[in-house]
Amino acid sequence: MYTTWLGRLLRLDGRRERQSFVLLSLAFLLIVLPLAAATDDAAGFLAVALPGSVLMVLALAQRCRDLGLPGHASLLVLLPGVGIGVWTALAVAPGTPGPNCHGPDPRLRHLRRDLLIEHG
């Protein structure tokens, strides 16, 4: 079933391919964090940082599942001295080809969409 990009982003299950994971991470670093830092009070900071952080955690968990790992393995990015290595591994490691126990290959979503457009 075809879902919107927002629907895929907000899913608590499923998988995420490397490209969209890196783009979401860049958006978090370049948009969410500077906006949160620019706020004058704690409530404004939380209003920006909390939703952005939740979306980033969901993307991390989806990326872990693409590699065949449980979603809670994404919490490893919170470990000091280890987090950047975990994020880098998630960003560069290819996902499990084909379906795994967490769902279909997210890279094939583009192929399915293109086939639907070509064949009506």
PDB file of N, CA and C in Angstrom:
ATOM      1  N   MET A   1       0.831  -1.170   0.000  1.00  0.00           N
ATOM      2  CA  MET A   1       0.000   0.000   0.000  1.00  0.00           C
ATOM      3  C   MET A   1       0.887   1.250   0.000  1.00  0.00           C
ATOM      4  N   TYR A   2       0.571   2.199  -0.856  1.00  0.00           N
ATOM      5  CA  TYR A   2       1.356   3.420  -0.964  1.00  0.00           C
ATOM      6  C   TYR A   2       0.931   4.399   0.130  1.00  0.00           C
ATOM      7  N   THR A   3       1.898   4.935   0.874  1.00  0.00           N
ATOM      8  CA  THR A   3       1.613   5.929   1.903  1.00  0.00           C
ATOM      9  C   THR A   3       2.403   7.191   1.617  1.00  0.00           C
ATOM     10  N   THR A   4       2.021   8.268   2.243  1.00  0.00           N
ATOM     11  CA  THR A   4       2.717   9.533   2.049  1.00  0.00           C
ATOM     12  C   THR A   4       4.047   9.514   2.778  1.00  0.00           C
ATOM     13  N   TRP A   5       4.912  10.466   2.469  1.00  0.00           N
ATOM     14  CA  TRP A   5       6.216  10.547   3.135  1.00  0.00           C
ATOM     15  C   TRP A   5       6.032  10.795   4.626  1.00  0.00           C
ATOM     16  N   LEU A   6       5.024  11.582   5.002  1.00  0.00           N
ATOM     17  CA  LEU A   6       4.783  11.836   6.419  1.00  0.00           C
ATOM     18  C   LEU A   6       4.298  10.573   7.125  1.00  0.00           C
ATOM     19  N   GLY A   7       3.443   9.810   6.465  1.00  0.00           N
ATOM     20  CA  GLY A   7       2.978   8.560   7.037  1.00  0.00           C
ATOM     21  C   GLY A   7       4.111   7.580   7.259  1.00  0.00           C
ATOM     22  N   ARG A   8       5.056   7.531   6.310  1.00  0.00           N
ATOM     23  CA  ARG A   8       6.225   6.655   6.477  1.00  0.00           C
ATOM     24  C   ARG A   8       7.124   7.148   7.596  1.00  0.00           C
ATOM     25  N   LEU A   9       7.230   8.457   7.748  1.00  0.00           N
ATOM     26  CA  LEU A   9       8.083   9.031   8.781  1.00  0.00           C
ATOM     27  C   LEU A   9       7.540   8.763  10.179  1.00  0.00           C
ATOM     28  N   LEU A  10       6.247   8.790  10.349  1.00  0.00           N
ATOM     29  CA  LEU A  10       5.633   8.650  11.662  1.00  0.00           C
ATOM     30  C   LEU A  10       5.359   7.204  12.070  1.00  0.00           C
ATOM     31  N   ARG A  11       5.704   6.254  11.230  1.00  0.00           N
ATOM     32  CA  ARG A  11       5.443   4.847  11.553  1.00  0.00           C
ATOM     33  C   ARG A  11       6.324   4.374  12.692  1.00  0.00           C
ATOM     34  N   LEU A  12       5.749   3.577  13.560  1.00  0.00           N
ATOM     35  CA  LEU A  12       6.508   2.976  14.649  1.00  0.00           C
ATOM     36  C   LEU A  12       7.147   1.662  14.229  1.00  0.00           C
ATOM     37  N   ASP A  13       6.813   1.186  13.029  1.00  0.00           N
ATOM     38  CA  ASP A  13       7.382  -0.047  12.512  1.00  0.00           C
ATOM     39  C   ASP A  13       7.975   0.237  11.141  1.00  0.00           C
ATOM     40  N   GLY A  14       8.380  -0.789  10.462  1.00  0.00           N
ATOM     41  CA  GLY A  14       8.874  -0.633   9.098  1.00  0.00           C
ATOM     42  C   GLY A  14      10.352  -0.307   9.040  1.00  0.00           C
ATOM     43  N   ARG A  15      10.806  -0.067   7.816  1.00  0.00           N
ATOM     44  CA  ARG A  15      12.216   0.125   7.530  1.00  0.00           C
ATOM     45  C   ARG A  15      12.434   1.462   6.828  1.00  0.00           C
ATOM     46  N   ARG A  16      13.677   1.957   6.857  1.00  0.00           N
ATOM     47  CA  ARG A  16      14.040   3.217   6.198  1.00  0.00           C
ATOM     48  C   ARG A  16      15.355   3.022   5.459  1.00  0.00           C
ATOM     49  N   GLU A  17      15.400   3.464   4.194  1.00  0.00           N
ATOM     50  CA  GLU A  17      16.612   3.348   3.401  1.00  0.00           C
ATOM     51  C   GLU A  17      17.624   4.424   3.808  1.00  0.00           C
ATOM     52  N   ARG A  18      18.893   4.225   3.405  1.00  0.00           N
ATOM     53  CA  ARG A  18      19.990   5.122   3.807  1.00  0.00           C
ATOM     54  C   ARG A  18      19.769   6.560   3.365  1.00  0.00           C
ATOM     55  N   GLN A  19      19.349   6.769   2.134  1.00  0.00           N
ATOM     56  CA  GLN A  19      19.237   8.125   1.602  1.00  0.00           C
ATOM     57  C   GLN A  19      18.276   8.971   2.428  1.00  0.00           C
ATOM     58  N   SER A  20      17.096   8.472   2.694  1.00  0.00           N
ATOM     59  CA  SER A  20      16.140   9.283   3.459  1.00  0.00           C
ATOM     60  C   SER A  20      16.585   9.439   4.908  1.00  0.00           C
ATOM     61  N   PHE A  21      17.301   8.449   5.452  1.00  0.00           N
ATOM     62  CA  PHE A  21      17.831   8.569   6.808  1.00  0.00           C
ATOM     63  C   PHE A  21      18.841   9.704   6.897  1.00  0.00           C
ATOM     64  N   VAL A  22      19.755   9.770   5.939  1.00  0.00           N
ATOM     65  CA  VAL A  22      20.764  10.834   5.940  1.00  0.00           C
ATOM     66  C   VAL A  22      20.098  12.194   5.729  1.00  0.00           C
ATOM     67  N   LEU A  23      19.115  12.282   4.825  1.00  0.00           N
ATOM     68  CA  LEU A  23      18.423  13.551   4.595  1.00  0.00           C
ATOM     69  C   LEU A  23      17.664  14.010   5.847  1.00  0.00           C
ATOM     70  N   LEU A  24      17.010  13.086   6.532  1.00  0.00           N
ATOM     71  CA  LEU A  24      16.324  13.442   7.777  1.00  0.00           C
ATOM     72  C   LEU A  24      17.309  13.895   8.847  1.00  0.00           C
ATOM     73  N   SER A  25      18.445  13.238   8.919  1.00  0.00           N
ATOM     74  CA  SER A  25      19.467  13.627   9.891  1.00  0.00           C
ATOM     75  C   SER A  25      19.995  15.027   9.596  1.00  0.00           C
ATOM     76  N   LEU A  26      20.228  15.316   8.320  1.00  0.00           N
ATOM     77  CA  LEU A  26      20.688  16.656   7.945  1.00  0.00           C
ATOM     78  C   LEU A  26      19.636  17.717   8.267  1.00  0.00           C
ATOM     79  N   ALA A  27      18.378  17.415   8.000  1.00  0.00           N
ATOM     80  CA  ALA A  27      17.308  18.352   8.335  1.00  0.00           C
ATOM     81  C   ALA A  27      17.269  18.606   9.837  1.00  0.00           C
ATOM     82  N   PHE A  28      17.465  17.558  10.616  1.00  0.00           N
ATOM     83  CA  PHE A  28      17.480  17.707  12.065  1.00  0.00           C
ATOM     84  C   PHE A  28      18.631  18.611  12.494  1.00  0.00           C
ATOM     85  N   LEU A  29      19.827  18.368  11.948  1.00  0.00           N
ATOM     86  CA  LEU A  29      21.004  19.152  12.325  1.00  0.00           C
ATOM     87  C   LEU A  29      20.960  20.591  11.816  1.00  0.00           C
ATOM     88  N   LEU A  30      20.445  20.790  10.628  1.00  0.00           N
ATOM     89  CA  LEU A  30      20.491  22.113  10.005  1.00  0.00           C
ATOM     90  C   LEU A  30      19.245  22.964  10.226  1.00  0.00           C
ATOM     91  N   ILE A  31      18.138  22.342  10.599  1.00  0.00           N
ATOM     92  CA  ILE A  31      16.896  23.100  10.783  1.00  0.00           C
ATOM     93  C   ILE A  31      16.411  23.034  12.226  1.00  0.00           C
ATOM     94  N   VAL A  32      16.189  21.832  12.731  1.00  0.00           N
ATOM     95  CA  VAL A  32      15.581  21.690  14.063  1.00  0.00           C
ATOM     96  C   VAL A  32      16.487  22.217  15.163  1.00  0.00           C
ATOM     97  N   LEU A  33      17.738  21.772  15.184  1.00  0.00           N
ATOM     98  CA  LEU A  33      18.625  22.205  16.265  1.00  0.00           C
ATOM     99  C   LEU A  33      18.877  23.711  16.265  1.00  0.00           C
ATOM    100  N   PRO A  34      19.166  24.350  15.119  1.00  0.00           N
ATOM    101  CA  PRO A  34      19.332  25.808  15.151  1.00  0.00           C
ATOM    102  C   PRO A  34      18.057  26.546  15.571  1.00  0.00           C
ATOM    103  N   LEU A  35      16.887  26.075  15.123  1.00  0.00           N
ATOM    104  CA  LEU A  35      15.639  26.716  15.550  1.00  0.00           C
ATOM    105  C   LEU A  35      15.434  26.577  17.054  1.00  0.00           C
ATOM    106  N   ALA A  36      15.726  25.413  17.577  1.00  0.00           N
ATOM    107  CA  ALA A  36      15.574  25.188  19.014  1.00  0.00           C
ATOM    108  C   ALA A  36      16.548  26.063  19.795  1.00  0.00           C
ATOM    109  N   ALA A  37      17.769  26.180  19.311  1.00  0.00           N
ATOM    110  CA  ALA A  37      18.773  26.992  19.999  1.00  0.00           C
ATOM    111  C   ALA A  37      18.443  28.475  19.942  1.00  0.00           C
ATOM    112  N   ALA A  38      17.698  28.899  18.931  1.00  0.00           N
ATOM    113  CA  ALA A  38      17.369  30.312  18.769  1.00  0.00           C
ATOM    114  C   ALA A  38      16.204  30.763  19.645  1.00  0.00           C
ATOM    115  N   THR A  39      15.533  29.830  20.297  1.00  0.00           N
ATOM    116  CA  THR A  39      14.403  30.214  21.146  1.00  0.00           C
ATOM    117  C   THR A  39      14.913  30.829  22.444  1.00  0.00           C
ATOM    118  N   ASP A  40      14.084  31.683  23.041  1.00  0.00           N
ATOM    119  CA  ASP A  40      14.489  32.422  24.229  1.00  0.00           C
ATOM    120  C   ASP A  40      14.140  31.736  25.539  1.00  0.00           C
ATOM    121  N   ASP A  41      13.267  30.764  25.498  1.00  0.00           N
ATOM    122  CA  ASP A  41      12.848  30.141  26.755  1.00  0.00           C
ATOM    123  C   ASP A  41      12.782  28.624  26.615  1.00  0.00           C
ATOM    124  N   ALA A  42      12.655  27.964  27.736  1.00  0.00           N
ATOM    125  CA  ALA A  42      12.643  26.505  27.760  1.00  0.00           C
ATOM    126  C   ALA A  42      11.430  25.943  27.027  1.00  0.00           C
ATOM    127  N   ALA A  43      10.280  26.597  27.170  1.00  0.00           N
ATOM    128  CA  ALA A  43       9.069  26.105  26.509  1.00  0.00           C
ATOM    129  C   ALA A  43       9.222  26.160  24.988  1.00  0.00           C
ATOM    130  N   GLY A  44       9.794  27.219  24.475  1.00  0.00           N
ATOM    131  CA  GLY A  44      10.030  27.329  23.031  1.00  0.00           C
ATOM    132  C   GLY A  44      11.028  26.296  22.550  1.00  0.00           C
ATOM    133  N   PHE A  45      12.070  26.081  23.341  1.00  0.00           N
ATOM    134  CA  PHE A  45      13.066  25.071  22.994  1.00  0.00           C
ATOM    135  C   PHE A  45      12.421  23.696  22.901  1.00  0.00           C
ATOM    136  N   LEU A  46      11.630  23.343  23.903  1.00  0.00           N
ATOM    137  CA  LEU A  46      10.966  22.038  23.910  1.00  0.00           C
ATOM    138  C   LEU A  46       9.950  21.906  22.783  1.00  0.00           C
ATOM    139  N   ALA A  47       9.264  22.998  22.463  1.00  0.00           N
ATOM    140  CA  ALA A  47       8.258  22.961  21.399  1.00  0.00           C
ATOM    141  C   ALA A  47       8.887  22.639  20.048  1.00  0.00           C
ATOM    142  N   VAL A  48      10.148  22.994  19.863  1.00  0.00           N
ATOM    143  CA  VAL A  48      10.839  22.712  18.606  1.00  0.00           C
ATOM    144  C   VAL A  48      11.654  21.419  18.702  1.00  0.00           C
ATOM    145  N   ALA A  49      12.413  21.290  19.772  1.00  0.00           N
ATOM    146  CA  ALA A  49      13.350  20.172  19.894  1.00  0.00           C
ATOM    147  C   ALA A  49      12.657  18.835  20.143  1.00  0.00           C
ATOM    148  N   LEU A  50      11.591  18.828  20.923  1.00  0.00           N
ATOM    149  CA  LEU A  50      10.949  17.561  21.260  1.00  0.00           C
ATOM    150  C   LEU A  50      10.334  16.859  20.046  1.00  0.00           C
ATOM    151  N   PRO A  51       9.505  17.535  19.243  1.00  0.00           N
ATOM    152  CA  PRO A  51       8.971  16.847  18.046  1.00  0.00           C
ATOM    153  C   PRO A  51      10.072  16.420  17.076  1.00  0.00           C
ATOM    154  N   GLY A  52      11.072  17.280  16.896  1.00  0.00           N
ATOM    155  CA  GLY A  52      12.179  16.927  16.003  1.00  0.00           C
ATOM    156  C   GLY A  52      12.957  15.724  16.507  1.00  0.00           C
ATOM    157  N   SER A  53      13.148  15.657  17.819  1.00  0.00           N
ATOM    158  CA  SER A  53      13.867  14.530  18.412  1.00  0.00           C
ATOM    159  C   SER A  53      13.075  13.234  18.286  1.00  0.00           C
ATOM    160  N   VAL A  54      11.766  13.319  18.467  1.00  0.00           N
ATOM    161  CA  VAL A  54      10.920  12.127  18.319  1.00  0.00           C
ATOM    162  C   VAL A  54      10.998  11.606  16.885  1.00  0.00           C
ATOM    163  N   LEU A  55      10.931  12.503  15.910  1.00  0.00           N
ATOM    164  CA  LEU A  55      11.035  12.077  14.506  1.00  0.00           C
ATOM    165  C   LEU A  55      12.394  11.450  14.216  1.00  0.00           C
ATOM    166  N   MET A  56      13.443  12.008  14.818  1.00  0.00           N
ATOM    167  CA  MET A  56      14.775  11.454  14.603  1.00  0.00           C
ATOM    168  C   MET A  56      14.903  10.075  15.231  1.00  0.00           C
ATOM    169  N   VAL A  57      14.337   9.878  16.406  1.00  0.00           N
ATOM    170  CA  VAL A  57      14.369   8.557  17.060  1.00  0.00           C
ATOM    171  C   VAL A  57      13.609   7.535  16.214  1.00  0.00           C
ATOM    172  N   LEU A  58      12.457   7.930  15.670  1.00  0.00           N
ATOM    173  CA  LEU A  58      11.703   7.021  14.797  1.00  0.00           C
ATOM    174  C   LEU A  58      12.533   6.643  13.566  1.00  0.00           C
ATOM    175  N   ALA A  59      13.201   7.622  12.969  1.00  0.00           N
ATOM    176  CA  ALA A  59      14.028   7.344  11.789  1.00  0.00           C
ATOM    177  C   ALA A  59      15.196   6.427  12.146  1.00  0.00           C
ATOM    178  N   LEU A  60      15.813   6.644  13.300  1.00  0.00           N
ATOM    179  CA  LEU A  60      16.903   5.772  13.751  1.00  0.00           C
ATOM    180  C   LEU A  60      16.418   4.343  13.934  1.00  0.00           C
ATOM    181  N   ALA A  61      15.255   4.189  14.560  1.00  0.00           N
ATOM    182  CA  ALA A  61      14.707   2.848  14.785  1.00  0.00           C
ATOM    183  C   ALA A  61      14.366   2.175  13.460  1.00  0.00           C
ATOM    184  N   GLN A  62      13.786   2.923  12.516  1.00  0.00           N
ATOM    185  CA  GLN A  62      13.459   2.355  11.206  1.00  0.00           C
ATOM    186  C   GLN A  62      14.731   1.928  10.476  1.00  0.00           C
ATOM    187  N   ARG A  63      15.781   2.729  10.614  1.00  0.00           N
ATOM    188  CA  ARG A  63      17.050   2.391   9.954  1.00  0.00           C
ATOM    189  C   ARG A  63      17.648   1.119  10.553  1.00  0.00           C
ATOM    190  N   CYS A  64      17.574   0.992  11.878  1.00  0.00           N
ATOM    191  CA  CYS A  64      18.052  -0.239  12.525  1.00  0.00           C
ATOM    192  C   CYS A  64      17.291  -1.442  11.993  1.00  0.00           C
ATOM    193  N   ARG A  65      15.975  -1.304  11.871  1.00  0.00           N
ATOM    194  CA  ARG A  65      15.165  -2.421  11.371  1.00  0.00           C
ATOM    195  C   ARG A  65      15.499  -2.758   9.925  1.00  0.00           C
ATOM    196  N   ASP A  66      15.929  -1.757   9.137  1.00  0.00           N
ATOM    197  CA  ASP A  66      16.327  -2.043   7.759  1.00  0.00           C
ATOM    198  C   ASP A  66      17.560  -2.946   7.738  1.00  0.00           C
ATOM    199  N   LEU A  67      18.380  -2.854   8.777  1.00  0.00           N
ATOM    200  CA  LEU A  67      19.576  -3.692   8.879  1.00  0.00           C
ATOM    201  C   LEU A  67      19.293  -5.025   9.555  1.00  0.00           C
ATOM    202  N   GLY A  68      18.023  -5.270   9.913  1.00  0.00           N
ATOM    203  CA  GLY A  68      17.657  -6.517  10.567  1.00  0.00           C
ATOM    204  C   GLY A  68      17.838  -6.481  12.074  1.00  0.00           C
ATOM    205  N   LEU A  69      18.095  -5.298  12.632  1.00  0.00           N
ATOM    206  CA  LEU A  69      18.274  -5.133  14.071  1.00  0.00           C
ATOM    207  C   LEU A  69      16.955  -4.715  14.709  1.00  0.00           C
ATOM    208  N   PRO A  70      16.805  -4.927  16.001  1.00  0.00           N
ATOM    209  CA  PRO A  70      15.605  -4.410  16.658  1.00  0.00           C
ATOM    210  C   PRO A  70      15.666  -2.886  16.729  1.00  0.00           C
ATOM    211  N   GLY A  71      14.514  -2.245  16.713  1.00  0.00           N
ATOM    212  CA  GLY A  71      14.450  -0.789  16.728  1.00  0.00           C
ATOM    213  C   GLY A  71      15.107  -0.161  17.940  1.00  0.00           C
ATOM    214  N   HIS A  72      15.038  -0.831  19.083  1.00  0.00           N
ATOM    215  CA  HIS A  72      15.616  -0.228  20.284  1.00  0.00           C
ATOM    216  C   HIS A  72      17.147  -0.199  20.245  1.00  0.00           C
ATOM    217  N   ALA A  73      17.764  -0.837  19.265  1.00  0.00           N
ATOM    218  CA  ALA A  73      19.210  -0.729  19.083  1.00  0.00           C
ATOM    219  C   ALA A  73      19.604   0.704  18.720  1.00  0.00           C
ATOM    220  N   SER A  74      18.635   1.495  18.259  1.00  0.00           N
ATOM    221  CA  SER A  74      18.904   2.893  17.920  1.00  0.00           C
ATOM    222  C   SER A  74      19.326   3.702  19.139  1.00  0.00           C
ATOM    223  N   LEU A  75      19.012   3.233  20.331  1.00  0.00           N
ATOM    224  CA  LEU A  75      19.390   3.945  21.556  1.00  0.00           C
ATOM    225  C   LEU A  75      20.905   3.973  21.758  1.00  0.00           C
ATOM    226  N   LEU A  76      21.632   3.145  21.016  1.00  0.00           N
ATOM    227  CA  LEU A  76      23.091   3.158  21.109  1.00  0.00           C
ATOM    228  C   LEU A  76      23.690   4.493  20.686  1.00  0.00           C
ATOM    229  N   VAL A  77      22.968   5.277  19.880  1.00  0.00           N
ATOM    230  CA  VAL A  77      23.499   6.578  19.464  1.00  0.00           C
ATOM    231  C   VAL A  77      23.595   7.544  20.640  1.00  0.00           C
ATOM    232  N   LEU A  78      22.936   7.236  21.747  1.00  0.00           N
ATOM    233  CA  LEU A  78      22.987   8.102  22.920  1.00  0.00           C
ATOM    234  C   LEU A  78      24.232   7.887  23.771  1.00  0.00           C
ATOM    235  N   LEU A  79      24.981   6.831  23.508  1.00  0.00           N
ATOM    236  CA  LEU A  79      26.169   6.541  24.302  1.00  0.00           C
ATOM    237  C   LEU A  79      27.312   7.480  23.926  1.00  0.00           C
ATOM    238  N   PRO A  80      27.880   8.168  24.900  1.00  0.00           N
ATOM    239  CA  PRO A  80      29.009   9.068  24.611  1.00  0.00           C
ATOM    240  C   PRO A  80      30.192   8.296  24.032  1.00  0.00           C
ATOM    241  N   GLY A  81      30.784   8.841  23.012  1.00  0.00           N
ATOM    242  CA  GLY A  81      31.943   8.224  22.391  1.00  0.00           C
ATOM    243  C   GLY A  81      31.605   7.112  21.414  1.00  0.00           C
ATOM    244  N   VAL A  82      30.385   6.630  21.435  1.00  0.00           N
ATOM    245  CA  VAL A  82      29.967   5.537  20.560  1.00  0.00           C
ATOM    246  C   VAL A  82      28.910   6.017  19.565  1.00  0.00           C
ATOM    247  N   GLY A  83      28.135   7.006  19.973  1.00  0.00           N
ATOM    248  CA  GLY A  83      26.982   7.455  19.191  1.00  0.00           C
ATOM    249  C   GLY A  83      27.295   7.840  17.765  1.00  0.00           C
ATOM    250  N   ILE A  84      28.364   8.596  17.551  1.00  0.00           N
ATOM    251  CA  ILE A  84      28.680   9.029  16.185  1.00  0.00           C
ATOM    252  C   ILE A  84      29.075   7.839  15.320  1.00  0.00           C
ATOM    253  N   GLY A  85      29.732   6.860  15.904  1.00  0.00           N
ATOM    254  CA  GLY A  85      30.081   5.648  15.160  1.00  0.00           C
ATOM    255  C   GLY A  85      28.849   4.839  14.792  1.00  0.00           C
ATOM    256  N   VAL A  86      27.901   4.752  15.719  1.00  0.00           N
ATOM    257  CA  VAL A  86      26.647   4.043  15.452  1.00  0.00           C
ATOM    258  C   VAL A  86      25.878   4.757  14.352  1.00  0.00           C
ATOM    259  N   TRP A  87      25.778   6.103  14.448  1.00  0.00           N
ATOM    260  CA  TRP A  87      25.067   6.862  13.422  1.00  0.00           C
ATOM    261  C   TRP A  87      25.737   6.650  12.067  1.00  0.00           C
ATOM    262  N   THR A  88      27.067   6.696  12.024  1.00  0.00           N
ATOM    263  CA  THR A  88      27.794   6.513  10.769  1.00  0.00           C
ATOM    264  C   THR A  88      27.529   5.125  10.181  1.00  0.00           C
ATOM    265  N   ALA A  89      27.546   4.119  11.038  1.00  0.00           N
ATOM    266  CA  ALA A  89      27.265   2.757  10.563  1.00  0.00           C
ATOM    267  C   ALA A  89      25.857   2.663   9.991  1.00  0.00           C
ATOM    268  N   LEU A  90      24.883   3.298  10.660  1.00  0.00           N
ATOM    269  CA  LEU A  90      23.511   3.282  10.154  1.00  0.00           C
ATOM    270  C   LEU A  90      23.401   4.023   8.826  1.00  0.00           C
ATOM    271  N   ALA A  91      24.213   5.058   8.655  1.00  0.00           N
ATOM    272  CA  ALA A  91      24.142   5.871   7.441  1.00  0.00           C
ATOM    273  C   ALA A  91      24.798   5.201   6.237  1.00  0.00           C
ATOM    274  N   VAL A  92      25.786   4.350   6.469  1.00  0.00           N
ATOM    275  CA  VAL A  92      26.523   3.794   5.330  1.00  0.00           C
ATOM    276  C   VAL A  92      26.263   2.309   5.071  1.00  0.00           C
ATOM    277  N   ALA A  93      25.846   1.574   6.080  1.00  0.00           N
ATOM    278  CA  ALA A  93      25.641   0.128   5.890  1.00  0.00           C
ATOM    279  C   ALA A  93      24.415  -0.125   5.022  1.00  0.00           C
ATOM    280  N   PRO A  94      24.550  -0.984   4.020  1.00  0.00           N
ATOM    281  CA  PRO A  94      23.375  -1.306   3.202  1.00  0.00           C
ATOM    282  C   PRO A  94      22.382  -2.135   4.013  1.00  0.00           C
ATOM    283  N   GLY A  95      21.127  -1.899   3.770  1.00  0.00           N
ATOM    284  CA  GLY A  95      20.082  -2.640   4.459  1.00  0.00           C
ATOM    285  C   GLY A  95      19.998  -4.076   3.970  1.00  0.00           C
ATOM    286  N   THR A  96      19.211  -4.855   4.664  1.00  0.00           N
ATOM    287  CA  THR A  96      18.981  -6.234   4.269  1.00  0.00           C
ATOM    288  C   THR A  96      18.282  -6.244   2.915  1.00  0.00           C
ATOM    289  N   PRO A  97      18.861  -6.910   1.902  1.00  0.00           N
ATOM    290  CA  PRO A  97      18.171  -6.954   0.608  1.00  0.00           C
ATOM    291  C   PRO A  97      16.882  -7.773   0.701  1.00  0.00           C
ATOM    292  N   GLY A  98      15.865  -7.272   0.049  1.00  0.00           N
ATOM    293  CA  GLY A  98      14.576  -7.964   0.078  1.00  0.00           C
ATOM    294  C   GLY A  98      13.902  -7.807   1.421  1.00  0.00           C
ATOM    295  N   PRO A  99      12.823  -8.519   1.636  1.00  0.00           N
ATOM    296  CA  PRO A  99      12.104  -8.386   2.899  1.00  0.00           C
ATOM    297  C   PRO A  99      12.901  -9.006   4.050  1.00  0.00           C
ATOM    298  N   ASN A 100      12.719  -8.452   5.242  1.00  0.00           N
ATOM    299  CA  ASN A 100      13.250  -9.075   6.445  1.00  0.00           C
ATOM    300  C   ASN A 100      12.114  -9.158   7.461  1.00  0.00           C
ATOM    301  N   CYS A 101      12.409  -9.538   8.685  1.00  0.00           N
ATOM    302  CA  CYS A 101      11.341  -9.728   9.673  1.00  0.00           C
ATOM    303  C   CYS A 101      10.641  -8.429  10.043  1.00  0.00           C
ATOM    304  N   HIS A 102      11.162  -7.283   9.593  1.00  0.00           N
ATOM    305  CA  HIS A 102      10.568  -5.985   9.915  1.00  0.00           C
ATOM    306  C   HIS A 102       9.790  -5.377   8.752  1.00  0.00           C
ATOM    307  N   GLY A 103       9.729  -6.072   7.628  1.00  0.00           N
ATOM    308  CA  GLY A 103       8.930  -5.568   6.512  1.00  0.00           C
ATOM    309  C   GLY A 103       9.639  -5.672   5.179  1.00  0.00           C
ATOM    310  N   PRO A 104       8.988  -5.143   4.131  1.00  0.00           N
ATOM    311  CA  PRO A 104       9.564  -5.193   2.788  1.00  0.00           C
ATOM    312  C   PRO A 104      10.741  -4.228   2.647  1.00  0.00           C
ATOM    313  N   ASP A 105      11.544  -4.462   1.642  1.00  0.00           N
ATOM    314  CA  ASP A 105      12.701  -3.616   1.361  1.00  0.00           C
ATOM    315  C   ASP A 105      12.218  -2.211   0.991  1.00  0.00           C
ATOM    316  N   PRO A 106      12.623  -1.158   1.732  1.00  0.00           N
ATOM    317  CA  PRO A 106      12.135   0.191   1.421  1.00  0.00           C
ATOM    318  C   PRO A 106      12.667   0.728   0.103  1.00  0.00           C
ATOM    319  N   ARG A 107      13.771   0.178  -0.385  1.00  0.00           N
ATOM    320  CA  ARG A 107      14.306   0.625  -1.673  1.00  0.00           C
ATOM    321  C   ARG A 107      13.389   0.223  -2.816  1.00  0.00           C
ATOM    322  N   LEU A 108      12.601  -0.809  -2.619  1.00  0.00           N
ATOM    323  CA  LEU A 108      11.697  -1.271  -3.668  1.00  0.00           C
ATOM    324  C   LEU A 108      10.434  -0.427  -3.767  1.00  0.00           C
ATOM    325  N   ARG A 109      10.190   0.433  -2.768  1.00  0.00           N
ATOM    326  CA  ARG A 109       9.013   1.299  -2.779  1.00  0.00           C
ATOM    327  C   ARG A 109       9.021   2.188  -4.023  1.00  0.00           C
ATOM    328  N   HIS A 110      10.208   2.715  -4.359  1.00  0.00           N
ATOM    329  CA  HIS A 110      10.316   3.571  -5.544  1.00  0.00           C
ATOM    330  C   HIS A 110      10.023   2.778  -6.814  1.00  0.00           C
ATOM    331  N   LEU A 111      10.491   1.552  -6.864  1.00  0.00           N
ATOM    332  CA  LEU A 111      10.236   0.700  -8.021  1.00  0.00           C
ATOM    333  C   LEU A 111       8.746   0.407  -8.157  1.00  0.00           C
ATOM    334  N   ARG A 112       8.076   0.092  -7.037  1.00  0.00           N
ATOM    335  CA  ARG A 112       6.641  -0.184  -7.080  1.00  0.00           C
ATOM    336  C   ARG A 112       5.869   1.050  -7.535  1.00  0.00           C
ATOM    337  N   ARG A 113       6.246   2.240  -7.041  1.00  0.00           N
ATOM    338  CA  ARG A 113       5.584   3.473  -7.429  1.00  0.00           C
ATOM    339  C   ARG A 113       5.768   3.723  -8.918  1.00  0.00           C
ATOM    340  N   ASP A 114       6.990   3.544  -9.437  1.00  0.00           N
ATOM    341  CA  ASP A 114       7.263   3.750 -10.856  1.00  0.00           C
ATOM    342  C   ASP A 114       6.473   2.775 -11.724  1.00  0.00           C
ATOM    343  N   LEU A 115       6.342   1.526 -11.283  1.00  0.00           N
ATOM    344  CA  LEU A 115       5.563   0.557 -12.039  1.00  0.00           C
ATOM    345  C   LEU A 115       4.084   0.935 -12.070  1.00  0.00           C
ATOM    346  N   LEU A 116       3.575   1.450 -10.943  1.00  0.00           N
ATOM    347  CA  LEU A 116       2.169   1.882 -10.908  1.00  0.00           C
ATOM    348  C   LEU A 116       1.936   3.039 -11.877  1.00  0.00           C
ATOM    349  N   ILE A 117       2.895   3.948 -11.964  1.00  0.00           N
ATOM    350  CA  ILE A 117       2.738   5.102 -12.863  1.00  0.00           C
ATOM    351  C   ILE A 117       2.798   4.631 -14.318  1.00  0.00           C
ATOM    352  N   GLU A 118       3.749   3.735 -14.626  1.00  0.00           N
ATOM    353  CA  GLU A 118       3.915   3.268 -16.005  1.00  0.00           C
ATOM    354  C   GLU A 118       2.732   2.436 -16.487  1.00  0.00           C
ATOM    355  N   HIS A 119       2.182   1.603 -15.613  1.00  0.00           N
ATOM    356  CA  HIS A 119       1.138   0.681 -16.021  1.00  0.00           C
ATOM    357  C   HIS A 119      -0.258   1.085 -15.553  1.00  0.00           C
ATOM    358  N   GLY A 120      -0.380   2.296 -15.023  1.00  0.00           N
ATOM    359  CA  GLY A 120      -1.688   2.801 -14.630  1.00  0.00           C
ATOM    360  C   GLY A 120      -2.212   2.067 -13.480  1.00  0.00           C
TER     361      GLY A 120
END
